[in-house]
Structures are given as C-alpha cells and as structure tokens.
C-alpha cells in the first residue's frame, strides 16, 4: 500500500531536503546506462588500511582520502564530468531549494552491493561549501543524516529509493551522514540493476 501513496518533499534539517521520486523511470534507466559506461570502479583503501565496501569511480576530479587529484590512483586521467550531469544537478537543486547558479565539477559514483555500507562522515575535502546533490538508483537504502558536531545522535534515518534526490547545503553542508544498510531486492526489476548506485555531485572549489 505504501508504494501507492505519494511521498512528499521533506526538509530533514535546515538546508537538507529529500525529494522522493524526482527522477522518472526512463531517466533512471538512462542514468544506470551512463553509470555502466564509466569504467574503473574500485574499492578505495583508507589511510588506516581499511577498504571501503562500496565500489567507486569519480568524474571531473578523483577523490582520495582526503583530497582530490586530476589522476586516479593508477595514474590515469580522471573521467570527464559530463555537461548533462551538471544540468541535472542544477535542476535538482533548484527543485529542492530554489537555488540557482550551481556549477558542480565533481561526481562520486558509488555502487553498493547487498552487504555494502558507509560509515558516518563529513564531505569536507572540497574547498567550496556549495551544496551536495545526491541521486539514488536501484535498491533502496537507509540513509542516516546527522548533525555537524558528532557522529552520534541526533540523527534522522531516511529511506532513499530509486529516483530520489537528497540535497544538503547551508547549515547542513558539513553534517555527518552515511548508509548503515541497503535493502536488497527493492528495486524495480525492469530497471535492470541489482544493488544500489549513488551519484553525489559537489563543487570542488579547485
């Protein structure tokens, strides 16, 4: 029954907005096709020796803990940031907050399998504090959005489904956030995606 009820826009915290079902199904399929065309997905190794459970590829700038580079960890050039993705980010941000003039130049594309998760962290490696715009595709997840001071409470758990957009900027730009679990098997089989893709756009300020 829940699937038949519209999910309203929600402001989770000041500057943090959830837009459910913002991408239409055809747009989602095109997005999945684009993600499959970007090569080089890999697990990122952290300075403490740990390895992230998500597989990632970067566009525009390569993110590494904790900075950005024009080359990947293998020394190859970073894939270009496509104009259409910037346009999509501008439309999403305008729909969420009314803000205009957004010029993202970085995309982090993360693939979550059934067991992947991401601990609470801040997106603070950019020199710009322009908003982060996040797109979800495939399986749903529990997205934990916290506060700017600590990884602990208070935080809010939001279920992000395929086609959802989540934007955070302003006073929430440096809020801790993460994905404690994915919800396997929740994607529409017609999407042709097993697992979850998350694409986050940022302005590097570089």
N, C-alpha and C. Protein backbone atom coordinates (compact mmCIF):
# COMPACT_ATOMS: atom_id res chain seq x y z
N UNK A 1 0.83 -1.20 0.00
CA UNK A 1 0.00 0.00 0.00
C UNK A 1 0.87 1.25 0.00
N UNK A 2 2.01 1.24 0.73
CA UNK A 2 2.87 2.41 0.81
C UNK A 2 3.33 2.86 -0.57
N UNK A 3 3.57 1.89 -1.47
CA UNK A 3 4.07 2.23 -2.80
C UNK A 3 3.06 3.04 -3.59
N UNK A 4 1.77 2.97 -3.22
CA UNK A 4 0.73 3.68 -3.95
C UNK A 4 0.54 5.10 -3.43
N UNK A 5 1.14 5.40 -2.29
CA UNK A 5 0.96 6.71 -1.69
C UNK A 5 2.12 7.63 -2.06
N UNK A 6 1.82 8.87 -2.46
CA UNK A 6 2.92 9.79 -2.79
C UNK A 6 3.74 10.11 -1.55
N UNK A 7 5.04 10.21 -1.73
CA UNK A 7 5.94 10.59 -0.63
C UNK A 7 6.26 12.07 -0.80
N UNK A 8 5.93 12.90 0.15
CA UNK A 8 6.10 14.35 -0.02
C UNK A 8 7.55 14.78 0.16
N UNK A 9 7.86 15.93 -0.41
CA UNK A 9 9.14 16.59 -0.17
C UNK A 9 9.29 16.81 1.32
N UNK A 10 10.51 16.62 1.83
CA UNK A 10 10.72 16.78 3.27
C UNK A 10 12.03 17.51 3.53
N UNK A 11 11.99 18.50 4.43
CA UNK A 11 13.21 19.15 4.89
C UNK A 11 13.65 18.43 6.16
N UNK A 12 14.73 17.67 6.04
CA UNK A 12 15.20 16.82 7.13
C UNK A 12 15.90 17.66 8.20
N UNK A 13 16.59 18.71 7.77
CA UNK A 13 17.28 19.67 8.64
C UNK A 13 17.41 20.95 7.83
N UNK A 14 17.74 22.07 8.45
CA UNK A 14 17.90 23.30 7.66
C UNK A 14 18.93 23.13 6.54
N UNK A 15 18.48 23.29 5.30
CA UNK A 15 19.36 23.13 4.16
C UNK A 15 19.46 21.72 3.63
N UNK A 16 18.79 20.76 4.26
CA UNK A 16 18.82 19.36 3.84
C UNK A 16 17.42 18.94 3.40
N UNK A 17 17.27 18.60 2.13
CA UNK A 17 15.96 18.36 1.54
C UNK A 17 15.93 17.02 0.82
N UNK A 18 14.88 16.26 1.05
CA UNK A 18 14.64 14.99 0.38
C UNK A 18 13.53 15.17 -0.63
N UNK A 19 13.84 14.86 -1.90
CA UNK A 19 12.86 14.91 -2.99
C UNK A 19 12.59 13.48 -3.45
N UNK A 20 11.53 12.85 -2.96
CA UNK A 20 11.24 11.48 -3.39
C UNK A 20 10.78 11.42 -4.85
N UNK A 21 11.18 10.35 -5.53
CA UNK A 21 10.68 10.05 -6.88
C UNK A 21 10.89 11.20 -7.85
N UNK A 22 12.00 11.92 -7.71
CA UNK A 22 12.22 13.09 -8.56
C UNK A 22 12.61 12.69 -9.98
N UNK A 23 13.36 11.61 -10.12
CA UNK A 23 13.72 11.11 -11.45
C UNK A 23 12.64 10.15 -11.95
N UNK A 24 12.16 10.38 -13.16
CA UNK A 24 11.23 9.45 -13.77
C UNK A 24 11.92 8.13 -14.11
N UNK A 25 11.12 7.10 -14.40
CA UNK A 25 11.71 5.78 -14.62
C UNK A 25 12.62 5.75 -15.84
N UNK A 26 12.22 6.40 -16.92
CA UNK A 26 13.08 6.43 -18.11
C UNK A 26 14.39 7.15 -17.82
N UNK A 27 14.33 8.23 -17.04
CA UNK A 27 15.56 8.94 -16.65
C UNK A 27 16.45 8.04 -15.80
N UNK A 28 15.84 7.25 -14.94
CA UNK A 28 16.62 6.34 -14.12
C UNK A 28 17.35 5.31 -14.98
N UNK A 29 16.65 4.77 -15.96
CA UNK A 29 17.28 3.77 -16.83
C UNK A 29 18.44 4.38 -17.62
N UNK A 30 18.26 5.60 -18.11
CA UNK A 30 19.34 6.27 -18.83
C UNK A 30 20.53 6.52 -17.91
N UNK A 31 20.25 6.87 -16.67
CA UNK A 31 21.29 7.13 -15.68
C UNK A 31 22.08 5.85 -15.39
N UNK A 32 21.37 4.74 -15.23
CA UNK A 32 22.02 3.45 -14.99
C UNK A 32 22.93 3.09 -16.17
N UNK A 33 22.45 3.32 -17.38
CA UNK A 33 23.27 3.04 -18.57
C UNK A 33 24.54 3.88 -18.55
N UNK A 34 24.40 5.16 -18.19
CA UNK A 34 25.58 6.04 -18.11
C UNK A 34 26.57 5.52 -17.08
N UNK A 35 26.06 5.11 -15.91
CA UNK A 35 26.94 4.61 -14.85
C UNK A 35 27.69 3.37 -15.30
N UNK A 36 27.05 2.52 -16.07
CA UNK A 36 27.72 1.31 -16.57
C UNK A 36 28.82 1.67 -17.58
N UNK A 37 28.68 2.82 -18.22
CA UNK A 37 29.67 3.22 -19.21
C UNK A 37 30.91 3.85 -18.62
N UNK A 38 30.88 4.20 -17.32
CA UNK A 38 32.04 4.80 -16.67
C UNK A 38 32.90 3.68 -16.10
N UNK A 39 34.09 3.52 -16.61
CA UNK A 39 34.95 2.40 -16.21
C UNK A 39 35.83 2.78 -15.03
N UNK A 40 36.34 1.76 -14.35
CA UNK A 40 37.31 1.99 -13.29
C UNK A 40 36.77 1.90 -11.88
N UNK A 41 35.58 1.30 -11.69
CA UNK A 41 35.06 1.15 -10.33
C UNK A 41 36.03 0.30 -9.50
N UNK A 42 36.31 0.77 -8.29
CA UNK A 42 37.22 0.02 -7.41
C UNK A 42 36.92 0.35 -5.96
N UNK A 43 37.41 -0.51 -5.07
CA UNK A 43 37.30 -0.26 -3.64
C UNK A 43 38.42 0.69 -3.21
N UNK A 44 38.06 1.75 -2.50
CA UNK A 44 39.05 2.72 -2.04
C UNK A 44 39.68 2.25 -0.73
N UNK A 45 41.01 2.32 -0.68
CA UNK A 45 41.73 1.96 0.54
C UNK A 45 41.90 3.21 1.39
N UNK A 46 41.60 3.09 2.67
CA UNK A 46 41.69 4.20 3.61
C UNK A 46 43.08 4.25 4.25
N UNK A 47 43.47 5.41 4.79
CA UNK A 47 44.80 5.53 5.39
C UNK A 47 45.06 4.55 6.53
N UNK A 48 44.01 4.10 7.22
CA UNK A 48 44.19 3.16 8.32
C UNK A 48 44.33 1.72 7.85
N UNK A 49 44.32 1.53 6.51
CA UNK A 49 44.46 0.20 5.95
C UNK A 49 43.14 -0.47 5.62
N UNK A 50 42.04 0.08 6.10
CA UNK A 50 40.74 -0.46 5.77
C UNK A 50 40.37 -0.22 4.32
N UNK A 51 39.41 -0.98 3.84
CA UNK A 51 38.95 -0.86 2.46
C UNK A 51 37.45 -0.59 2.46
N UNK A 52 37.03 0.42 1.73
CA UNK A 52 35.60 0.74 1.68
C UNK A 52 34.83 -0.38 0.99
N UNK A 53 33.64 -0.69 1.49
CA UNK A 53 32.86 -1.80 0.93
C UNK A 53 32.15 -1.41 -0.37
N UNK A 54 31.99 -0.12 -0.61
CA UNK A 54 31.42 0.31 -1.89
C UNK A 54 32.51 0.32 -2.95
N UNK A 55 32.09 0.18 -4.21
CA UNK A 55 33.00 0.38 -5.33
C UNK A 55 32.71 1.75 -5.92
N UNK A 56 33.76 2.50 -6.27
CA UNK A 56 33.58 3.90 -6.68
C UNK A 56 34.33 4.20 -7.96
N UNK A 57 33.79 5.18 -8.68
CA UNK A 57 34.51 5.81 -9.78
C UNK A 57 34.19 7.30 -9.70
N UNK A 58 35.15 8.14 -10.11
CA UNK A 58 34.99 9.59 -9.99
C UNK A 58 35.00 10.24 -11.35
N UNK A 59 34.28 11.34 -11.45
CA UNK A 59 34.22 12.14 -12.67
C UNK A 59 34.67 13.56 -12.34
N UNK A 60 35.46 14.14 -13.22
CA UNK A 60 35.89 15.53 -13.04
C UNK A 60 37.16 15.65 -12.23
N UNK A 61 37.09 15.21 -10.99
CA UNK A 61 38.23 15.12 -10.08
C UNK A 61 38.18 13.77 -9.41
N UNK A 62 39.35 13.20 -9.11
CA UNK A 62 39.41 11.92 -8.40
C UNK A 62 39.51 12.19 -6.89
N UNK A 63 38.53 11.64 -6.15
CA UNK A 63 38.60 11.77 -4.70
C UNK A 63 39.46 10.67 -4.11
N UNK A 64 40.31 11.04 -3.17
CA UNK A 64 41.06 10.07 -2.38
C UNK A 64 41.04 10.59 -0.95
N UNK A 65 41.26 9.71 0.02
CA UNK A 65 41.26 10.18 1.42
C UNK A 65 42.55 10.95 1.73
N UNK A 66 42.53 12.27 1.89
CA UNK A 66 41.34 13.11 1.94
C UNK A 66 41.62 14.33 1.09
N UNK A 67 41.41 14.20 -0.21
CA UNK A 67 41.67 15.29 -1.13
C UNK A 67 41.22 14.92 -2.53
N UNK A 68 41.66 15.71 -3.49
CA UNK A 68 41.29 15.50 -4.89
C UNK A 68 42.52 15.56 -5.78
N UNK A 69 42.46 14.83 -6.89
CA UNK A 69 43.55 14.80 -7.86
C UNK A 69 42.97 14.73 -9.26
N UNK A 70 43.76 15.14 -10.24
CA UNK A 70 43.34 15.03 -11.64
C UNK A 70 43.65 13.65 -12.22
N UNK A 71 44.34 12.80 -11.45
CA UNK A 71 44.62 11.44 -11.90
C UNK A 71 44.10 10.45 -10.87
N UNK A 72 43.80 9.24 -11.32
CA UNK A 72 43.32 8.20 -10.43
C UNK A 72 44.48 7.61 -9.64
N UNK A 73 44.17 6.69 -8.76
CA UNK A 73 45.22 6.02 -8.00
C UNK A 73 46.18 5.24 -8.87
N UNK A 74 45.74 4.89 -10.08
CA UNK A 74 46.60 4.18 -11.02
C UNK A 74 47.37 5.13 -11.92
N UNK A 75 47.17 6.45 -11.72
CA UNK A 75 47.89 7.43 -12.52
C UNK A 75 47.25 7.78 -13.84
N UNK A 76 46.06 7.24 -14.11
CA UNK A 76 45.37 7.55 -15.37
C UNK A 76 44.50 8.79 -15.20
N UNK A 77 44.21 9.50 -16.28
CA UNK A 77 43.39 10.71 -16.17
C UNK A 77 41.98 10.38 -15.64
N UNK A 78 41.44 11.31 -14.87
CA UNK A 78 40.07 11.14 -14.36
C UNK A 78 39.08 11.28 -15.51
N UNK A 79 38.02 10.51 -15.45
CA UNK A 79 36.97 10.63 -16.46
C UNK A 79 36.37 12.03 -16.42
N UNK A 80 35.98 12.58 -17.57
CA UNK A 80 35.43 13.93 -17.58
C UNK A 80 34.06 14.00 -16.90
N UNK A 81 33.76 15.17 -16.39
CA UNK A 81 32.45 15.44 -15.80
C UNK A 81 31.52 15.89 -16.92
N UNK A 82 30.46 15.15 -17.21
CA UNK A 82 29.61 15.47 -18.37
C UNK A 82 28.71 16.68 -18.13
N UNK A 83 28.49 17.45 -19.18
CA UNK A 83 27.64 18.63 -19.08
C UNK A 83 26.21 18.27 -18.64
N UNK A 84 25.70 17.15 -19.17
CA UNK A 84 24.31 16.79 -18.85
C UNK A 84 24.14 16.51 -17.36
N UNK A 85 25.20 16.02 -16.71
CA UNK A 85 25.10 15.74 -15.29
C UNK A 85 25.07 17.04 -14.48
N UNK A 86 25.83 18.03 -14.93
CA UNK A 86 25.76 19.34 -14.30
C UNK A 86 24.38 19.96 -14.44
N UNK A 87 23.79 19.81 -15.64
CA UNK A 87 22.44 20.33 -15.86
C UNK A 87 21.43 19.65 -14.93
N UNK A 88 21.58 18.34 -14.77
CA UNK A 88 20.68 17.59 -13.90
C UNK A 88 20.82 18.05 -12.46
N UNK A 89 22.06 18.28 -12.04
CA UNK A 89 22.30 18.76 -10.68
C UNK A 89 21.69 20.14 -10.45
N UNK A 90 21.79 21.01 -11.44
CA UNK A 90 21.20 22.35 -11.31
C UNK A 90 19.68 22.26 -11.17
N UNK A 91 19.07 21.42 -11.99
CA UNK A 91 17.61 21.25 -11.91
C UNK A 91 17.19 20.69 -10.56
N UNK A 92 17.94 19.71 -10.06
CA UNK A 92 17.59 19.09 -8.79
C UNK A 92 17.73 20.08 -7.64
N UNK A 93 18.81 20.84 -7.63
CA UNK A 93 19.00 21.81 -6.56
C UNK A 93 17.92 22.90 -6.61
N UNK A 94 17.59 23.36 -7.80
CA UNK A 94 16.55 24.38 -7.92
C UNK A 94 15.21 23.84 -7.43
N UNK A 95 14.93 22.56 -7.74
CA UNK A 95 13.67 21.96 -7.28
C UNK A 95 13.64 21.82 -5.77
N UNK A 96 14.80 21.55 -5.17
CA UNK A 96 14.85 21.32 -3.72
C UNK A 96 14.83 22.61 -2.93
N UNK A 97 15.60 23.61 -3.38
CA UNK A 97 15.81 24.81 -2.55
C UNK A 97 15.54 26.11 -3.27
N UNK A 98 15.38 26.06 -4.61
CA UNK A 98 15.23 27.29 -5.38
C UNK A 98 16.55 27.94 -5.73
N UNK A 99 17.65 27.37 -5.27
CA UNK A 99 18.98 27.95 -5.51
C UNK A 99 19.38 27.80 -6.97
N UNK A 100 19.98 28.83 -7.52
CA UNK A 100 20.43 28.80 -8.91
C UNK A 100 21.94 29.06 -8.96
N UNK A 101 22.51 28.86 -10.17
CA UNK A 101 23.93 29.13 -10.36
C UNK A 101 24.84 28.02 -9.88
N UNK A 102 24.31 26.81 -9.70
CA UNK A 102 25.11 25.68 -9.22
C UNK A 102 26.01 25.17 -10.33
N UNK A 103 27.31 25.02 -10.05
CA UNK A 103 28.26 24.58 -11.06
C UNK A 103 29.12 23.43 -10.52
N UNK A 104 28.53 22.24 -10.38
CA UNK A 104 29.31 21.11 -9.89
C UNK A 104 30.38 20.69 -10.89
N UNK A 105 31.51 20.25 -10.39
CA UNK A 105 32.59 19.77 -11.27
C UNK A 105 33.15 18.43 -10.81
N UNK A 106 32.51 17.82 -9.82
CA UNK A 106 32.92 16.52 -9.30
C UNK A 106 31.68 15.63 -9.15
N UNK A 107 31.81 14.37 -9.54
CA UNK A 107 30.79 13.37 -9.23
C UNK A 107 31.48 12.15 -8.65
N UNK A 108 31.01 11.68 -7.51
CA UNK A 108 31.44 10.41 -6.94
C UNK A 108 30.31 9.42 -7.17
N UNK A 109 30.62 8.35 -7.89
CA UNK A 109 29.64 7.32 -8.23
C UNK A 109 29.96 6.09 -7.39
N UNK A 110 29.08 5.74 -6.48
CA UNK A 110 29.31 4.61 -5.57
C UNK A 110 28.32 3.50 -5.84
N UNK A 111 28.84 2.27 -5.96
CA UNK A 111 27.98 1.10 -6.13
C UNK A 111 27.97 0.29 -4.84
N UNK A 112 26.76 0.05 -4.33
CA UNK A 112 26.55 -0.75 -3.13
C UNK A 112 25.98 -2.11 -3.51
N UNK A 113 26.67 -3.19 -3.14
CA UNK A 113 26.04 -4.50 -3.26
C UNK A 113 25.20 -4.74 -2.01
N UNK A 114 24.72 -5.97 -1.84
CA UNK A 114 23.76 -6.24 -0.76
C UNK A 114 24.35 -6.02 0.63
N UNK A 115 25.67 -6.12 0.77
CA UNK A 115 26.27 -6.01 2.10
C UNK A 115 27.04 -4.71 2.31
N UNK A 116 27.13 -3.88 1.29
CA UNK A 116 27.93 -2.65 1.41
C UNK A 116 27.23 -1.63 2.31
N UNK A 117 28.03 -0.82 2.96
CA UNK A 117 27.53 0.25 3.81
C UNK A 117 28.57 1.36 3.82
N UNK A 118 28.23 2.48 4.44
CA UNK A 118 29.18 3.58 4.56
C UNK A 118 29.00 4.23 5.93
N UNK A 119 30.10 4.33 6.67
CA UNK A 119 30.05 4.92 7.99
C UNK A 119 29.78 6.41 7.94
N UNK A 120 29.35 6.96 9.06
CA UNK A 120 29.07 8.39 9.11
C UNK A 120 30.34 9.20 8.91
N UNK A 121 30.26 10.19 8.05
CA UNK A 121 31.41 11.01 7.68
C UNK A 121 30.91 12.38 7.23
N UNK A 122 31.83 13.31 7.12
CA UNK A 122 31.54 14.64 6.57
C UNK A 122 32.16 14.74 5.19
N UNK A 123 31.48 15.44 4.28
CA UNK A 123 32.06 15.77 2.97
C UNK A 123 32.78 17.11 3.13
N UNK A 124 34.04 17.06 3.52
CA UNK A 124 34.75 18.29 3.84
C UNK A 124 36.09 18.41 3.10
N UNK A 125 36.27 17.63 2.04
CA UNK A 125 37.53 17.70 1.29
C UNK A 125 37.47 18.71 0.16
N UNK A 126 36.30 19.33 -0.05
CA UNK A 126 36.16 20.35 -1.08
C UNK A 126 36.53 21.72 -0.51
N UNK A 127 37.04 22.58 -1.35
CA UNK A 127 37.33 23.95 -0.92
C UNK A 127 36.07 24.82 -0.95
N UNK A 128 35.06 24.36 -1.66
CA UNK A 128 33.78 25.06 -1.74
C UNK A 128 32.78 24.41 -0.80
N UNK A 129 31.92 25.23 -0.21
CA UNK A 129 30.83 24.71 0.62
C UNK A 129 29.49 24.81 -0.11
N UNK A 130 29.55 24.79 -1.45
CA UNK A 130 28.31 24.70 -2.23
C UNK A 130 27.62 23.38 -1.91
N UNK A 131 26.31 23.30 -2.11
CA UNK A 131 25.58 22.10 -1.70
C UNK A 131 26.05 20.82 -2.40
N UNK A 132 25.79 19.70 -1.73
CA UNK A 132 25.95 18.37 -2.31
C UNK A 132 24.59 17.92 -2.82
N UNK A 133 24.56 17.40 -4.04
CA UNK A 133 23.32 16.89 -4.64
C UNK A 133 23.52 15.39 -4.89
N UNK A 134 22.64 14.58 -4.33
CA UNK A 134 22.79 13.13 -4.35
C UNK A 134 21.60 12.47 -5.04
N UNK A 135 21.91 11.55 -5.98
CA UNK A 135 20.88 10.80 -6.70
C UNK A 135 20.98 9.32 -6.31
N UNK A 136 19.84 8.67 -6.14
CA UNK A 136 19.79 7.25 -5.80
C UNK A 136 19.15 6.46 -6.94
N UNK A 137 19.75 5.30 -7.23
CA UNK A 137 19.24 4.41 -8.26
C UNK A 137 19.30 2.97 -7.76
N UNK A 138 18.30 2.18 -8.12
CA UNK A 138 18.32 0.76 -7.78
C UNK A 138 17.72 0.49 -6.41
N UNK A 139 18.35 -0.43 -5.67
CA UNK A 139 17.83 -0.81 -4.36
C UNK A 139 17.78 0.38 -3.41
N UNK A 140 16.78 0.36 -2.54
CA UNK A 140 16.65 1.39 -1.52
C UNK A 140 17.73 1.20 -0.45
N UNK A 141 17.91 2.24 0.36
CA UNK A 141 18.85 2.16 1.47
C UNK A 141 18.30 2.96 2.64
N UNK A 142 18.89 2.73 3.80
CA UNK A 142 18.68 3.60 4.95
C UNK A 142 19.80 4.63 4.94
N UNK A 143 19.43 5.88 4.80
CA UNK A 143 20.39 6.98 4.77
C UNK A 143 20.30 7.70 6.11
N UNK A 144 21.41 7.76 6.81
CA UNK A 144 21.43 8.38 8.14
C UNK A 144 22.01 9.78 8.03
N UNK A 145 21.21 10.77 8.37
CA UNK A 145 21.65 12.17 8.26
C UNK A 145 21.72 12.76 9.66
N UNK A 146 22.92 13.16 10.04
CA UNK A 146 23.16 13.57 11.41
C UNK A 146 23.37 15.06 11.59
N UNK A 147 24.21 15.39 12.55
CA UNK A 147 24.49 16.78 12.89
C UNK A 147 25.91 17.14 12.50
N UNK A 148 26.31 18.38 12.69
CA UNK A 148 27.62 18.84 12.22
C UNK A 148 28.72 18.65 13.26
N UNK A 149 28.38 18.19 14.46
CA UNK A 149 29.36 18.14 15.55
C UNK A 149 29.89 16.75 15.85
N UNK A 150 29.07 15.73 15.68
CA UNK A 150 29.44 14.40 16.13
C UNK A 150 28.80 13.33 15.26
N UNK A 151 29.39 12.14 15.27
CA UNK A 151 28.80 11.01 14.55
C UNK A 151 27.61 10.41 15.29
N UNK A 152 27.41 10.82 16.52
CA UNK A 152 26.31 10.27 17.30
C UNK A 152 25.01 11.03 17.10
N UNK A 153 24.08 10.78 17.96
CA UNK A 153 22.79 11.47 17.89
C UNK A 153 22.95 12.95 18.20
N UNK A 154 22.03 13.79 17.70
CA UNK A 154 20.82 13.42 16.96
C UNK A 154 21.09 13.16 15.48
N UNK A 155 20.36 12.20 14.95
CA UNK A 155 20.37 11.94 13.51
C UNK A 155 18.99 11.47 13.10
N UNK A 156 18.75 11.51 11.79
CA UNK A 156 17.47 11.07 11.22
C UNK A 156 17.74 10.02 10.17
N UNK A 157 17.03 8.90 10.22
CA UNK A 157 17.14 7.87 9.19
C UNK A 157 16.06 8.10 8.14
N UNK A 158 16.49 8.13 6.89
CA UNK A 158 15.60 8.38 5.76
C UNK A 158 15.74 7.20 4.79
N UNK A 159 14.64 6.67 4.31
CA UNK A 159 14.72 5.63 3.29
C UNK A 159 14.81 6.30 1.93
N UNK A 160 15.94 6.08 1.24
CA UNK A 160 16.13 6.60 -0.11
C UNK A 160 15.85 5.48 -1.10
N UNK A 161 14.95 5.75 -2.04
CA UNK A 161 14.59 4.78 -3.07
C UNK A 161 15.07 5.25 -4.43
N UNK A 162 14.95 4.36 -5.39
CA UNK A 162 15.40 4.68 -6.74
C UNK A 162 14.63 5.89 -7.28
N UNK A 163 15.37 6.86 -7.79
CA UNK A 163 14.77 8.08 -8.32
C UNK A 163 14.75 9.23 -7.34
N UNK A 164 15.12 8.96 -6.09
CA UNK A 164 15.11 10.01 -5.07
C UNK A 164 16.34 10.92 -5.22
N UNK A 165 16.15 12.16 -4.79
CA UNK A 165 17.24 13.14 -4.70
C UNK A 165 17.34 13.59 -3.24
N UNK A 166 18.57 13.75 -2.77
CA UNK A 166 18.79 14.32 -1.44
C UNK A 166 19.83 15.42 -1.60
N UNK A 167 19.51 16.61 -1.10
CA UNK A 167 20.38 17.78 -1.21
C UNK A 167 20.72 18.26 0.20
N UNK A 168 22.00 18.58 0.43
CA UNK A 168 22.32 19.22 1.71
C UNK A 168 23.36 20.32 1.50
N UNK A 169 23.03 21.47 2.05
CA UNK A 169 23.89 22.64 1.94
C UNK A 169 23.62 23.58 3.10
N UNK A 170 24.14 24.81 3.02
CA UNK A 170 23.90 25.79 4.07
C UNK A 170 24.36 25.26 5.42
N UNK A 171 23.54 25.40 6.47
CA UNK A 171 23.94 24.97 7.81
C UNK A 171 24.12 23.47 7.94
N UNK A 172 23.61 22.69 6.95
CA UNK A 172 23.75 21.24 7.00
C UNK A 172 24.85 20.71 6.08
N UNK A 173 25.60 21.62 5.46
CA UNK A 173 26.59 21.18 4.45
C UNK A 173 27.62 20.22 5.04
N UNK A 174 28.03 20.43 6.29
CA UNK A 174 29.06 19.59 6.90
C UNK A 174 28.47 18.60 7.91
N UNK A 175 27.20 18.27 7.74
CA UNK A 175 26.58 17.29 8.62
C UNK A 175 27.16 15.90 8.36
N UNK A 176 27.33 15.13 9.42
CA UNK A 176 27.73 13.73 9.27
C UNK A 176 26.57 12.95 8.64
N UNK A 177 26.93 12.01 7.75
CA UNK A 177 25.91 11.21 7.08
C UNK A 177 26.52 9.89 6.64
N UNK A 178 25.69 8.90 6.41
CA UNK A 178 26.18 7.60 5.99
C UNK A 178 25.04 6.67 5.63
N UNK A 179 25.40 5.44 5.29
CA UNK A 179 24.43 4.42 4.87
C UNK A 179 24.67 3.18 5.72
N UNK A 180 23.89 2.99 6.80
CA UNK A 180 24.10 1.81 7.64
C UNK A 180 23.67 0.51 6.99
N UNK A 181 22.76 0.56 6.02
CA UNK A 181 22.38 -0.67 5.33
C UNK A 181 21.64 -0.37 4.04
N UNK A 182 21.76 -1.30 3.11
CA UNK A 182 20.94 -1.27 1.90
C UNK A 182 19.78 -2.26 2.10
N UNK A 183 18.80 -2.17 1.21
CA UNK A 183 17.61 -3.02 1.28
C UNK A 183 17.54 -3.83 -0.01
N UNK A 184 18.24 -4.97 -0.06
CA UNK A 184 18.34 -5.75 -1.30
C UNK A 184 16.99 -6.19 -1.83
N UNK A 185 16.88 -6.22 -3.16
CA UNK A 185 15.68 -6.71 -3.80
C UNK A 185 14.53 -5.73 -3.86
N UNK A 186 14.80 -4.45 -3.53
CA UNK A 186 13.71 -3.46 -3.51
C UNK A 186 13.60 -2.68 -4.81
N UNK A 187 14.56 -2.83 -5.73
CA UNK A 187 14.49 -2.10 -7.00
C UNK A 187 13.49 -2.75 -7.94
N UNK A 188 12.92 -1.94 -8.80
CA UNK A 188 12.06 -2.46 -9.87
C UNK A 188 12.90 -3.33 -10.79
N UNK A 189 12.54 -4.61 -10.99
CA UNK A 189 13.34 -5.47 -11.87
C UNK A 189 13.52 -4.90 -13.27
N UNK A 190 12.57 -4.09 -13.72
CA UNK A 190 12.65 -3.52 -15.06
C UNK A 190 13.80 -2.52 -15.20
N UNK A 191 14.32 -2.06 -14.06
CA UNK A 191 15.45 -1.13 -14.11
C UNK A 191 16.73 -1.83 -14.53
N UNK A 192 16.79 -3.16 -14.31
CA UNK A 192 17.96 -3.92 -14.72
C UNK A 192 19.18 -3.69 -13.86
N UNK A 193 18.98 -3.35 -12.59
CA UNK A 193 20.10 -3.07 -11.69
C UNK A 193 19.92 -3.86 -10.41
N UNK A 194 20.91 -4.69 -10.09
CA UNK A 194 20.96 -5.40 -8.82
C UNK A 194 21.95 -4.68 -7.93
N UNK A 195 21.48 -4.11 -6.83
CA UNK A 195 22.31 -3.29 -5.98
C UNK A 195 21.86 -1.83 -6.05
N UNK A 196 22.68 -0.96 -5.50
CA UNK A 196 22.34 0.46 -5.44
C UNK A 196 23.47 1.29 -6.02
N UNK A 197 23.11 2.28 -6.81
CA UNK A 197 24.04 3.29 -7.29
C UNK A 197 23.70 4.62 -6.64
N UNK A 198 24.71 5.30 -6.15
CA UNK A 198 24.53 6.62 -5.58
C UNK A 198 25.52 7.56 -6.26
N UNK A 199 25.00 8.65 -6.80
CA UNK A 199 25.83 9.63 -7.51
C UNK A 199 25.74 10.94 -6.76
N UNK A 200 26.85 11.42 -6.22
CA UNK A 200 26.84 12.69 -5.50
C UNK A 200 27.64 13.72 -6.27
N UNK A 201 27.05 14.88 -6.43
CA UNK A 201 27.70 15.99 -7.13
C UNK A 201 28.18 17.01 -6.11
N UNK A 202 29.39 17.55 -6.35
CA UNK A 202 29.97 18.56 -5.47
C UNK A 202 30.65 19.63 -6.32
N UNK A 203 30.93 20.74 -5.70
CA UNK A 203 31.75 21.80 -6.30
C UNK A 203 33.10 21.74 -5.60
N UNK A 204 34.15 21.42 -6.35
CA UNK A 204 35.46 21.21 -5.72
C UNK A 204 36.06 22.51 -5.16
N UNK A 205 35.83 23.63 -5.86
CA UNK A 205 36.47 24.87 -5.49
C UNK A 205 37.94 24.93 -5.89
N UNK A 206 38.37 23.94 -6.68
CA UNK A 206 39.77 23.85 -7.10
C UNK A 206 39.98 24.56 -8.43
